[in-house]
Structure formats: structure tokens, C-alpha cells
Amino acid sequence: MNVIELIEQAAQRLTQAGVAFGHGTTNAFDEAAWLVLWRLGLPIDGLDEAEQQVVSAEQAQACTALIEERIATRKPAAYLTKQAWLQGVPFYVDERAIVPRSFIAEVLADGSIDAWLSDQTRRVLDLCTGNGSLAVLSAMAYPDVTVDAADISPDALAVARINVDQHGLQDRITLLQSDGLAGVNGPYDLIVCNPPYVNADSMRKLPAEYLAEPALALASGEDGMDFTRALFASLRAEPDRFMTDDAVLVLEIGNERPNFERAFPSLAVTWLPTSSGDDPLLLVTRDALLLDQAD
């Protein structure tokens, strides 16, 4: 048996078992390729070079065992391999933090939010940092900034510490335990936030793979907007504490755009294009937040 045959066999097994995807892959073949290549110690992006490589019986057995673990536990592959990627950058992850998959990574990498920034952009806050991936990508995208990475969960921050250290960014990224904005030290020029936003009905319907993640990082009340309401209230109550005059907030809301627009019907925002369309990600300026409050 060669590598590609083993992957195809594994993909068929994942399909038969009805596992759910969405934590780095979207289909059975890609998930099988990830797990098989990882177990064989081959580069995850090296399938073209490796597909005809012969696999020993022992190697095949090890890969099959990993696929069966994926099926039996319903854990995302990232928790089994302890690794995930955003924009091609590797990150450590385990069950203490949500698997990184934020669309904010795309706009950091492609520069589509740069028009709202300037050469005076110096301080960035990654709120709800999880495993620290967006903080790391922010520091990589903007070499002149420092980043505060905040999360309510000390467990998540322990995972973030691993990633900050692995990428050698200890001097530019500060980890902060904070319930919302309570423990951060602004003002900031840019705030990025991938918060809990899953509504209660969707939480009840989530596949087991998502329920393997910390619920604290997912659920946010009946309409998914509880965290966002509290965030906006804090920003409006003390704007000078948290945002510079020209500051912007980039906020991820996943599939919750209808609920967001019902919760904040008069707030002027810019919807940012992503690989999943224009609904998951928005940008709002300090001025828009304060003007909406005045109305």
C-alpha cells in the first residue's frame, strides 16, 4: 500500500462514520490526508511528493489507529495532532483552547484592513485570544506594533504562552487574563476579537467535534450577542481608556449576522470580504460606536 491509497481508505472510513469537519478541513479526504501525513511524519503540505511512497504494515496500522481514535472520540484532528495552521503558520493547540480558525487571520495577511490603519498604529489588542494565534499573526503582519493578548481563561493563556514563545515574540506580545476588557491596558489603535458568538439554538445542534472545545469560547446567550453587547458597552462607557481617536475594531461573528443586525440595527459597520463570504467579519470605528450611542 502507498500513501495515497492509505489516505483514500481513511477518507472512506471517516465518511462512513459521519464525522464532522470545520476545524481546519472541510471534507473527509483533506482530514484523512492531514492525519495520515502527520502520523507518518511527513510534511502536511507534501502530499504530491509523498503519495506514491510505500507504507509498511506497521505504519498503516498506526495511521488506522489514529483514524479510529478520531472517529471514536469525535475530537477535532487538531487536538489529536496538537497542531493547527492559520495562513500557513503553525500553532500548538490542545483541549484547553478553541481550535484556531478565525477569518481575522485572512484580513491580517492580505492587508485588507490596512486602509483603516496608519504609520501611527502602534498598539494592538487581541481580545479572546485563545491559543494566541491572532496575536502572533498581528505581530507578524505589523512589525512595528506591540500586542496585548487577553483571555478570561488561564488555561487558554497557557496555550497562548507556548505559541508566543515558539514564534519568538515574547518581547512584543503580552498575555493578560481579562474578563472582557476589565484587565487590559489601553488605549489601542486596533482591536481584533473573535469572541463567543454561537446562539443557544445552534449550541444545542453542534456536532460532537465542536462540543469537544471549551464552551466558554463558543456560547454567548440566546442570540449569540451577549459578549458583543458587553464589549460595545465597555467601549462606549470608557472610549479613551480602550481606543485611540482613530481606532478600529475587527470583530468576528460567524453565522450570526442576522442576530447582529437585529441587536445593533443602527450601527454603521463595514463588512469585510473573506473566503466564506462577507457575513462573518466586520469592522467598526470608534467614531461609529460613539455616534450610534448618541442616536
C-alpha atoms as a PDB file:
ATOM      1  CA  MET A   1       0.000   0.000   0.000  1.00  0.00           C
ATOM      2  CA  ASN A   2       1.195   3.518  -0.727  1.00  0.00           C
ATOM      3  CA  VAL A   3       0.375   6.835   0.951  1.00  0.00           C
ATOM      4  CA  ILE A   4      -2.412   7.920  -1.379  1.00  0.00           C
ATOM      5  CA  GLU A   5      -4.145   4.545  -1.103  1.00  0.00           C
ATOM      6  CA  LEU A   6      -3.966   4.733   2.677  1.00  0.00           C
ATOM      7  CA  ILE A   7      -5.431   8.249   2.633  1.00  0.00           C
ATOM      8  CA  GLU A   8      -8.275   7.232   0.329  1.00  0.00           C
ATOM      9  CA  GLN A   9      -9.058   4.278   2.590  1.00  0.00           C
ATOM     10  CA  ALA A  10      -9.021   6.548   5.640  1.00  0.00           C
ATOM     11  CA  ALA A  11     -11.248   9.120   3.930  1.00  0.00           C
ATOM     12  CA  GLN A  12     -13.794   6.430   3.150  1.00  0.00           C
ATOM     13  CA  ARG A  13     -13.779   5.331   6.784  1.00  0.00           C
ATOM     14  CA  LEU A  14     -14.318   8.929   8.005  1.00  0.00           C
ATOM     15  CA  THR A  15     -17.197   9.364   5.564  1.00  0.00           C
ATOM     16  CA  GLN A  16     -18.836   6.129   6.670  1.00  0.00           C
ATOM     17  CA  ALA A  17     -18.528   7.183  10.301  1.00  0.00           C
ATOM     18  CA  GLY A  18     -20.197  10.534   9.664  1.00  0.00           C
ATOM     19  CA  VAL A  19     -17.631  12.695  11.424  1.00  0.00           C
ATOM     20  CA  ALA A  20     -17.986  16.477  11.236  1.00  0.00           C
ATOM     21  CA  PHE A  21     -15.384  18.832   9.801  1.00  0.00           C
ATOM     22  CA  GLY A  22     -14.640  22.532  10.120  1.00  0.00           C
ATOM     23  CA  HIS A  23     -11.548  22.658  12.330  1.00  0.00           C
ATOM     24  CA  GLY A  24      -9.002  23.138   9.580  1.00  0.00           C
ATOM     25  CA  THR A  25     -10.519  20.945   6.896  1.00  0.00           C
ATOM     26  CA  THR A  26     -13.903  20.811   5.186  1.00  0.00           C
ATOM     27  CA  ASN A  27     -14.015  17.265   3.830  1.00  0.00           C
ATOM     28  CA  ALA A  28     -13.021  13.666   4.548  1.00  0.00           C
ATOM     29  CA  PHE A  29     -10.124  13.474   2.089  1.00  0.00           C
ATOM     30  CA  ASP A  30      -8.340  16.546   3.461  1.00  0.00           C
ATOM     31  CA  GLU A  31      -8.893  15.375   7.040  1.00  0.00           C
ATOM     32  CA  ALA A  32      -7.538  11.912   6.206  1.00  0.00           C
ATOM     33  CA  ALA A  33      -4.524  13.414   4.432  1.00  0.00           C
ATOM     34  CA  TRP A  34      -3.767  15.594   7.458  1.00  0.00           C
ATOM     35  CA  LEU A  35      -3.926  12.703   9.917  1.00  0.00           C
ATOM     36  CA  VAL A  36      -2.080  10.174   7.756  1.00  0.00           C
ATOM     37  CA  LEU A  37       0.740  12.519   6.762  1.00  0.00           C
ATOM     38  CA  TRP A  38       1.126  13.685  10.359  1.00  0.00           C
ATOM     39  CA  ARG A  39       1.264  10.131  11.709  1.00  0.00           C
ATOM     40  CA  LEU A  40       3.847   9.190   9.073  1.00  0.00           C
ATOM     41  CA  GLY A  41       5.975  12.202   9.988  1.00  0.00           C
ATOM     42  CA  LEU A  42       5.625  13.701   6.525  1.00  0.00           C
ATOM     43  CA  PRO A  43       5.039  17.384   5.694  1.00  0.00           C
ATOM     44  CA  ILE A  44       1.334  18.167   5.815  1.00  0.00           C
ATOM     45  CA  ASP A  45       1.607  20.120   2.568  1.00  0.00           C
ATOM     46  CA  GLY A  46       3.737  17.464   0.882  1.00  0.00           C
ATOM     47  CA  LEU A  47       1.146  15.028  -0.457  1.00  0.00           C
ATOM     48  CA  ASP A  48       2.160  15.440  -4.106  1.00  0.00           C
ATOM     49  CA  GLU A  49       5.695  14.331  -3.311  1.00  0.00           C
ATOM     50  CA  ALA A  50       4.687  11.558  -0.903  1.00  0.00           C
ATOM     51  CA  GLU A  51       1.596   9.992  -2.453  1.00  0.00           C
ATOM     52  CA  GLN A  52       3.433   7.073  -4.117  1.00  0.00           C
ATOM     53  CA  GLN A  53       5.633   6.331  -1.112  1.00  0.00           C
ATOM     54  CA  VAL A  54       5.232   2.756   0.126  1.00  0.00           C
ATOM     55  CA  VAL A  55       3.777   2.357   3.615  1.00  0.00           C
ATOM     56  CA  SER A  56       4.787  -0.543   5.855  1.00  0.00           C
ATOM     57  CA  ALA A  57       2.217  -2.674   7.636  1.00  0.00           C
ATOM     58  CA  GLU A  58       3.223  -1.113  10.939  1.00  0.00           C
ATOM     59  CA  GLN A  59       2.826   2.414   9.554  1.00  0.00           C
ATOM     60  CA  ALA A  60      -0.557   1.592   8.076  1.00  0.00           C
ATOM     61  CA  GLN A  61      -1.701   0.152  11.390  1.00  0.00           C
ATOM     62  CA  ALA A  62      -0.603   3.294  13.232  1.00  0.00           C
ATOM     63  CA  CYS A  63      -2.498   5.506  10.781  1.00  0.00           C
ATOM     64  CA  THR A  64      -5.604   3.341  11.003  1.00  0.00           C
ATOM     65  CA  ALA A  65      -5.495   3.547  14.803  1.00  0.00           C
ATOM     66  CA  LEU A  66      -5.362   7.346  14.601  1.00  0.00           C
ATOM     67  CA  ILE A  67      -8.326   7.453  12.230  1.00  0.00           C
ATOM     68  CA  GLU A  68     -10.272   5.208  14.585  1.00  0.00           C
ATOM     69  CA  GLU A  69      -9.384   7.486  17.504  1.00  0.00           C
ATOM     70  CA  ARG A  70     -10.713  10.431  15.516  1.00  0.00           C
ATOM     71  CA  ILE A  71     -13.974   8.556  14.975  1.00  0.00           C
ATOM     72  CA  ALA A  72     -14.346   7.178  18.492  1.00  0.00           C
ATOM     73  CA  THR A  73     -13.558  10.402  20.360  1.00  0.00           C
ATOM     74  CA  ARG A  74     -15.021  12.880  17.846  1.00  0.00           C
ATOM     75  CA  LYS A  75     -12.169  15.183  18.804  1.00  0.00           C
ATOM     76  CA  PRO A  76     -11.065  17.629  16.100  1.00  0.00           C
ATOM     77  CA  ALA A  77      -7.922  16.449  14.316  1.00  0.00           C
ATOM     78  CA  ALA A  78      -6.051  19.438  15.706  1.00  0.00           C
ATOM     79  CA  TYR A  79      -6.499  18.093  19.233  1.00  0.00           C
ATOM     80  CA  LEU A  80      -5.105  14.724  18.187  1.00  0.00           C
ATOM     81  CA  THR A  81      -2.062  16.188  16.422  1.00  0.00           C
ATOM     82  CA  LYS A  82      -1.655  19.165  18.816  1.00  0.00           C
ATOM     83  CA  GLN A  83      -1.159  21.387  15.805  1.00  0.00           C
ATOM     84  CA  ALA A  84      -3.184  23.738  13.625  1.00  0.00           C
ATOM     85  CA  TRP A  85      -2.366  26.281  10.928  1.00  0.00           C
ATOM     86  CA  LEU A  86      -3.608  29.743  10.091  1.00  0.00           C
ATOM     87  CA  GLN A  87      -2.333  31.392   6.906  1.00  0.00           C
ATOM     88  CA  GLY A  88       0.309  28.690   6.694  1.00  0.00           C
ATOM     89  CA  VAL A  89       1.679  29.468  10.162  1.00  0.00           C
ATOM     90  CA  PRO A  90       1.796  26.515  12.584  1.00  0.00           C
ATOM     91  CA  PHE A  91       0.333  26.787  16.065  1.00  0.00           C
ATOM     92  CA  TYR A  92       0.213  24.455  19.047  1.00  0.00           C
ATOM     93  CA  VAL A  93      -3.285  23.708  20.339  1.00  0.00           C
ATOM     94  CA  ASP A  94      -4.920  21.338  22.796  1.00  0.00           C
ATOM     95  CA  GLU A  95      -8.264  20.975  24.548  1.00  0.00           C
ATOM     96  CA  ARG A  96      -7.612  23.985  26.778  1.00  0.00           C
ATOM     97  CA  ALA A  97      -8.259  26.377  23.865  1.00  0.00           C
ATOM     98  CA  ILE A  98     -10.549  26.570  20.866  1.00  0.00           C
ATOM     99  CA  VAL A  99      -9.083  25.282  17.600  1.00  0.00           C
ATOM    100  CA  PRO A 100      -7.892  28.405  15.712  1.00  0.00           C
ATOM    101  CA  ARG A 101      -9.830  29.076  12.502  1.00  0.00           C
ATOM    102  CA  SER A 102     -10.637  32.781  12.607  1.00  0.00           C
ATOM    103  CA  PHE A 103     -11.286  34.682   9.392  1.00  0.00           C
ATOM    104  CA  ILE A 104      -9.493  37.611  11.017  1.00  0.00           C
ATOM    105  CA  ALA A 105      -6.298  35.798  10.027  1.00  0.00           C
ATOM    106  CA  GLU A 106      -7.182  36.417   6.381  1.00  0.00           C
ATOM    107  CA  VAL A 107      -7.538  40.190   6.677  1.00  0.00           C
ATOM    108  CA  LEU A 108      -4.352  40.433   8.709  1.00  0.00           C
ATOM    109  CA  ALA A 109      -2.474  38.563   5.997  1.00  0.00           C
ATOM    110  CA  ASP A 110      -3.981  40.202   2.911  1.00  0.00           C
ATOM    111  CA  GLY A 111      -3.814  43.778   4.186  1.00  0.00           C
ATOM    112  CA  SER A 112      -7.489  44.492   3.549  1.00  0.00           C
ATOM    113  CA  ILE A 113      -7.827  46.411   6.824  1.00  0.00           C
ATOM    114  CA  ASP A 114      -4.662  48.442   6.295  1.00  0.00           C
ATOM    115  CA  ALA A 115      -6.614  51.388   4.869  1.00  0.00           C
ATOM    116  CA  TRP A 116      -8.082  51.957   8.346  1.00  0.00           C
ATOM    117  CA  LEU A 117      -4.636  51.898   9.966  1.00  0.00           C
ATOM    118  CA  SER A 118      -1.676  54.270   9.670  1.00  0.00           C
ATOM    119  CA  ASP A 119       2.012  54.631  10.404  1.00  0.00           C
ATOM    120  CA  GLN A 120       0.873  55.670  13.872  1.00  0.00           C
ATOM    121  CA  THR A 121      -0.661  52.259  14.563  1.00  0.00           C
ATOM    122  CA  ARG A 122       1.416  51.007  17.462  1.00  0.00           C
ATOM    123  CA  ARG A 123      -0.773  49.120  19.916  1.00  0.00           C
ATOM    124  CA  VAL A 124      -2.982  46.126  19.111  1.00  0.00           C
ATOM    125  CA  LEU A 125      -5.331  44.154  21.366  1.00  0.00           C
ATOM    126  CA  ASP A 126      -6.277  40.575  20.541  1.00  0.00           C
ATOM    127  CA  LEU A 127      -9.326  40.068  22.758  1.00  0.00           C
ATOM    128  CA  CYS A 128     -10.417  36.465  23.386  1.00  0.00           C
ATOM    129  CA  THR A 129      -7.011  35.359  22.176  1.00  0.00           C
ATOM    130  CA  GLY A 130      -7.494  31.626  22.798  1.00  0.00           C
ATOM    131  CA  ASN A 131      -4.278  29.925  21.736  1.00  0.00           C
ATOM    132  CA  GLY A 132      -2.731  33.270  20.781  1.00  0.00           C
ATOM    133  CA  SER A 133      -2.744  32.726  17.029  1.00  0.00           C
ATOM    134  CA  LEU A 134      -4.242  36.093  16.063  1.00  0.00           C
ATOM    135  CA  ALA A 135      -1.844  37.890  18.394  1.00  0.00           C
ATOM    136  CA  VAL A 136       1.073  36.143  16.691  1.00  0.00           C
ATOM    137  CA  LEU A 137      -0.269  36.883  13.210  1.00  0.00           C
ATOM    138  CA  SER A 138      -0.862  40.542  14.157  1.00  0.00           C
ATOM    139  CA  ALA A 139       2.735  40.874  15.302  1.00  0.00           C
ATOM    140  CA  MET A 140       3.930  39.227  12.090  1.00  0.00           C
ATOM    141  CA  ALA A 141       1.749  41.433   9.886  1.00  0.00           C
ATOM    142  CA  TYR A 142       2.762  44.698  11.586  1.00  0.00           C
ATOM    143  CA  PRO A 143       6.407  44.555  12.718  1.00  0.00           C
ATOM    144  CA  ASP A 144       6.224  47.946  14.467  1.00  0.00           C
ATOM    145  CA  VAL A 145       3.374  47.114  16.838  1.00  0.00           C
ATOM    146  CA  THR A 146       3.133  45.577  20.261  1.00  0.00           C
ATOM    147  CA  VAL A 147       0.220  43.278  21.037  1.00  0.00           C
ATOM    148  CA  ASP A 148      -1.748  42.599  24.192  1.00  0.00           C
ATOM    149  CA  ALA A 149      -3.380  39.158  24.031  1.00  0.00           C
ATOM    150  CA  ALA A 150      -6.235  38.836  26.517  1.00  0.00           C
ATOM    151  CA  ASP A 151      -8.485  35.959  27.547  1.00  0.00           C
ATOM    152  CA  ILE A 152     -10.645  35.126  30.537  1.00  0.00           C
ATOM    153  CA  SER A 153      -9.286  31.550  30.619  1.00  0.00           C
ATOM    154  CA  PRO A 154      -5.930  30.883  32.300  1.00  0.00           C
ATOM    155  CA  ASP A 155      -5.871  27.525  30.516  1.00  0.00           C
ATOM    156  CA  ALA A 156      -6.145  29.195  27.121  1.00  0.00           C
ATOM    157  CA  LEU A 157      -3.431  31.673  28.074  1.00  0.00           C
ATOM    158  CA  ALA A 158      -1.128  28.780  28.972  1.00  0.00           C
ATOM    159  CA  VAL A 159      -1.565  27.504  25.412  1.00  0.00           C
ATOM    160  CA  ALA A 160      -1.025  31.020  24.048  1.00  0.00           C
ATOM    161  CA  ARG A 161       2.233  31.222  26.003  1.00  0.00           C
ATOM    162  CA  ILE A 162       3.508  28.165  24.121  1.00  0.00           C
ATOM    163  CA  ASN A 163       2.791  29.816  20.766  1.00  0.00           C
ATOM    164  CA  VAL A 164       4.206  33.206  21.688  1.00  0.00           C
ATOM    165  CA  ASP A 165       7.396  31.537  22.840  1.00  0.00           C
ATOM    166  CA  GLN A 166       7.641  29.196  19.856  1.00  0.00           C
ATOM    167  CA  HIS A 167       7.421  32.143  17.476  1.00  0.00           C
ATOM    168  CA  GLY A 168       9.924  34.202  19.467  1.00  0.00           C
ATOM    169  CA  LEU A 169       7.548  37.093  20.126  1.00  0.00           C
ATOM    170  CA  GLN A 170       7.884  37.374  23.908  1.00  0.00           C
ATOM    171  CA  ASP A 171       9.160  40.957  23.625  1.00  0.00           C
ATOM    172  CA  ARG A 172       6.204  42.144  21.555  1.00  0.00           C
ATOM    173  CA  ILE A 173       3.216  40.156  22.862  1.00  0.00           C
ATOM    174  CA  THR A 174       1.927  40.496  26.430  1.00  0.00           C
ATOM    175  CA  LEU A 175      -0.555  37.939  27.744  1.00  0.00           C
ATOM    176  CA  LEU A 176      -3.303  39.239  30.007  1.00  0.00           C
ATOM    177  CA  GLN A 177      -6.013  37.430  31.933  1.00  0.00           C
ATOM    178  CA  SER A 178      -9.091  39.580  31.485  1.00  0.00           C
ATOM    179  CA  ASP A 179     -12.856  39.235  31.669  1.00  0.00           C
ATOM    180  CA  GLY A 180     -13.730  41.189  28.558  1.00  0.00           C
ATOM    181  CA  LEU A 181     -11.892  44.499  28.703  1.00  0.00           C
ATOM    182  CA  ALA A 182     -11.670  44.638  32.511  1.00  0.00           C
ATOM    183  CA  GLY A 183      -8.000  43.695  32.727  1.00  0.00           C
ATOM    184  CA  VAL A 184      -6.497  45.305  29.625  1.00  0.00           C
ATOM    185  CA  ASN A 185      -4.309  48.394  29.425  1.00  0.00           C
ATOM    186  CA  GLY A 186      -5.370  50.589  26.512  1.00  0.00           C
ATOM    187  CA  PRO A 187      -5.812  52.688  24.569  1.00  0.00           C
ATOM    188  CA  TYR A 188      -5.343  50.636  21.390  1.00  0.00           C
ATOM    189  CA  ASP A 189      -5.160  51.568  17.728  1.00  0.00           C
ATOM    190  CA  LEU A 190      -6.530  48.209  16.571  1.00  0.00           C
ATOM    191  CA  ILE A 191      -8.653  45.677  18.433  1.00  0.00           C
ATOM    192  CA  VAL A 192      -9.231  42.259  16.899  1.00  0.00           C
ATOM    193  CA  CYS A 193     -11.742  39.985  18.554  1.00  0.00           C
ATOM    194  CA  ASN A 194     -13.019  36.506  17.747  1.00  0.00           C
ATOM    195  CA  PRO A 195     -15.415  36.217  20.690  1.00  0.00           C
ATOM    196  CA  PRO A 196     -18.003  33.667  21.756  1.00  0.00           C
ATOM    197  CA  TYR A 197     -20.927  34.230  19.378  1.00  0.00           C
ATOM    198  CA  VAL A 198     -22.855  30.967  18.940  1.00  0.00           C
ATOM    199  CA  ASN A 199     -26.560  31.349  19.711  1.00  0.00           C
ATOM    200  CA  ALA A 200     -28.337  28.986  22.089  1.00  0.00           C
ATOM    201  CA  ASP A 201     -30.243  27.076  19.413  1.00  0.00           C
ATOM    202  CA  SER A 202     -27.078  26.496  17.389  1.00  0.00           C
ATOM    203  CA  MET A 203     -25.223  25.358  20.510  1.00  0.00           C
ATOM    204  CA  ARG A 204     -27.840  22.665  21.031  1.00  0.00           C
ATOM    205  CA  LYS A 205     -27.293  21.418  17.480  1.00  0.00           C
ATOM    206  CA  LEU A 206     -23.488  21.466  17.355  1.00  0.00           C
ATOM    207  CA  PRO A 207     -21.714  18.263  16.301  1.00  0.00           C
ATOM    208  CA  ALA A 208     -19.616  16.492  18.912  1.00  0.00           C
ATOM    209  CA  GLU A 209     -16.400  17.875  17.397  1.00  0.00           C
ATOM    210  CA  TYR A 210     -17.420  21.398  18.395  1.00  0.00           C
ATOM    211  CA  LEU A 211     -18.622  20.301  21.808  1.00  0.00           C
ATOM    212  CA  ALA A 212     -15.091  18.986  22.416  1.00  0.00           C
ATOM    213  CA  GLU A 213     -13.975  22.625  22.547  1.00  0.00           C
ATOM    214  CA  PRO A 214     -14.334  24.866  25.620  1.00  0.00           C
ATOM    215  CA  ALA A 215     -17.972  26.011  25.715  1.00  0.00           C
ATOM    216  CA  LEU A 216     -16.730  29.290  27.187  1.00  0.00           C
ATOM    217  CA  ALA A 217     -15.228  30.109  23.783  1.00  0.00           C
ATOM    218  CA  LEU A 218     -18.419  29.378  21.848  1.00  0.00           C
ATOM    219  CA  ALA A 219     -21.708  30.152  23.595  1.00  0.00           C
ATOM    220  CA  SER A 220     -22.936  33.725  24.063  1.00  0.00           C
ATOM    221  CA  GLY A 221     -26.538  33.759  25.155  1.00  0.00           C
ATOM    222  CA  GLU A 222     -29.829  33.264  23.374  1.00  0.00           C
ATOM    223  CA  ASP A 223     -28.926  35.211  20.219  1.00  0.00           C
ATOM    224  CA  GLY A 224     -25.127  34.860  20.402  1.00  0.00           C
ATOM    225  CA  MET A 225     -24.648  38.558  21.035  1.00  0.00           C
ATOM    226  CA  ASP A 226     -24.195  38.718  24.823  1.00  0.00           C
ATOM    227  CA  PHE A 227     -20.410  39.121  24.695  1.00  0.00           C
ATOM    228  CA  THR A 228     -20.631  41.669  21.891  1.00  0.00           C
ATOM    229  CA  ARG A 229     -23.208  43.733  23.782  1.00  0.00           C
ATOM    230  CA  ALA A 230     -20.952  43.839  26.830  1.00  0.00           C
ATOM    231  CA  LEU A 231     -17.928  44.695  24.676  1.00  0.00           C
ATOM    232  CA  PHE A 232     -19.684  47.593  22.953  1.00  0.00           C
ATOM    233  CA  ALA A 233     -20.996  48.862  26.293  1.00  0.00           C
ATOM    234  CA  SER A 234     -17.478  48.889  27.756  1.00  0.00           C
ATOM    235  CA  LEU A 235     -16.013  50.659  24.729  1.00  0.00           C
ATOM    236  CA  ARG A 236     -18.735  53.300  24.807  1.00  0.00           C
ATOM    237  CA  ALA A 237     -18.516  53.820  28.559  1.00  0.00           C
ATOM    238  CA  GLU A 238     -14.755  54.494  28.539  1.00  0.00           C
ATOM    239  CA  PRO A 239     -13.688  55.122  24.937  1.00  0.00           C
ATOM    240  CA  ASP A 240     -10.493  56.965  25.864  1.00  0.00           C
ATOM    241  CA  ARG A 241      -9.379  54.070  28.034  1.00  0.00           C
ATOM    242  CA  PHE A 242      -9.656  51.499  25.295  1.00  0.00           C
ATOM    243  CA  MET A 243      -9.454  53.195  21.875  1.00  0.00           C
ATOM    244  CA  THR A 244      -7.318  55.926  20.353  1.00  0.00           C
ATOM    245  CA  ASP A 245      -9.134  58.586  18.314  1.00  0.00           C
ATOM    246  CA  ASP A 246      -8.786  56.689  15.027  1.00  0.00           C
ATOM    247  CA  ALA A 247      -9.056  53.173  16.459  1.00  0.00           C
ATOM    248  CA  VAL A 248     -10.969  50.370  14.786  1.00  0.00           C
ATOM    249  CA  LEU A 249     -12.399  47.091  15.991  1.00  0.00           C
ATOM    250  CA  VAL A 250     -12.367  43.999  13.759  1.00  0.00           C
ATOM    251  CA  LEU A 251     -14.999  41.588  15.061  1.00  0.00           C
ATOM    252  CA  GLU A 252     -15.873  38.050  14.002  1.00  0.00           C
ATOM    253  CA  ILE A 253     -19.485  36.892  14.319  1.00  0.00           C
ATOM    254  CA  GLY A 254     -19.545  33.696  12.229  1.00  0.00           C
ATOM    255  CA  ASN A 255     -23.054  32.853  11.046  1.00  0.00           C
ATOM    256  CA  GLU A 256     -24.717  35.374  13.320  1.00  0.00           C
ATOM    257  CA  ARG A 257     -25.056  38.398  11.001  1.00  0.00           C
ATOM    258  CA  PRO A 258     -28.881  38.425  11.211  1.00  0.00           C
ATOM    259  CA  ASN A 259     -28.702  38.393  15.015  1.00  0.00           C
ATOM    260  CA  PHE A 260     -26.004  41.082  14.980  1.00  0.00           C
ATOM    261  CA  GLU A 261     -28.090  43.351  12.769  1.00  0.00           C
ATOM    262  CA  ARG A 262     -31.152  42.840  14.975  1.00  0.00           C
ATOM    263  CA  ALA A 263     -29.112  43.650  18.084  1.00  0.00           C
ATOM    264  CA  PHE A 264     -27.416  46.729  16.602  1.00  0.00           C
ATOM    265  CA  PRO A 265     -29.733  47.968  13.849  1.00  0.00           C
ATOM    266  CA  SER A 266     -28.347  51.494  13.544  1.00  0.00           C
ATOM    267  CA  LEU A 267     -24.642  50.801  13.970  1.00  0.00           C
ATOM    268  CA  ALA A 268     -22.601  51.667  10.868  1.00  0.00           C
ATOM    269  CA  VAL A 269     -20.150  48.866  10.139  1.00  0.00           C
ATOM    270  CA  THR A 270     -18.063  47.686   7.200  1.00  0.00           C
ATOM    271  CA  TRP A 271     -18.484  44.021   6.264  1.00  0.00           C
ATOM    272  CA  LEU A 272     -15.133  42.560   5.269  1.00  0.00           C
ATOM    273  CA  PRO A 273     -14.756  40.042   2.422  1.00  0.00           C
ATOM    274  CA  THR A 274     -13.494  36.609   3.489  1.00  0.00           C
ATOM    275  CA  SER A 275     -13.096  33.201   1.877  1.00  0.00           C
ATOM    276  CA  SER A 276     -16.524  32.384   3.354  1.00  0.00           C
ATOM    277  CA  GLY A 277     -18.271  35.482   2.017  1.00  0.00           C
ATOM    278  CA  ASP A 278     -18.993  38.891   3.513  1.00  0.00           C
ATOM    279  CA  ASP A 279     -21.027  37.872   6.580  1.00  0.00           C
ATOM    280  CA  PRO A 280     -18.596  36.505   9.214  1.00  0.00           C
ATOM    281  CA  LEU A 281     -16.401  39.576   9.725  1.00  0.00           C
ATOM    282  CA  LEU A 282     -16.991  43.273  10.294  1.00  0.00           C
ATOM    283  CA  LEU A 283     -15.055  46.418  11.083  1.00  0.00           C
ATOM    284  CA  VAL A 284     -16.383  49.264  13.202  1.00  0.00           C
ATOM    285  CA  THR A 285     -14.660  52.549  14.018  1.00  0.00           C
ATOM    286  CA  ARG A 286     -14.574  54.278  17.368  1.00  0.00           C
ATOM    287  CA  ASP A 287     -16.500  57.179  15.847  1.00  0.00           C
ATOM    288  CA  ALA A 288     -19.269  54.875  14.622  1.00  0.00           C
ATOM    289  CA  LEU A 289     -19.592  53.219  18.014  1.00  0.00           C
ATOM    290  CA  LEU A 290     -19.925  56.539  19.788  1.00  0.00           C
ATOM    291  CA  LEU A 291     -22.267  58.049  17.173  1.00  0.00           C
ATOM    292  CA  ASP A 292     -24.594  55.075  17.421  1.00  0.00           C
ATOM    293  CA  GLN A 293     -24.655  55.530  21.189  1.00  0.00           C
ATOM    294  CA  ALA A 294     -25.626  59.173  20.754  1.00  0.00           C
ATOM    295  CA  ASP A 295     -28.516  58.232  18.486  1.00  0.00           C
END
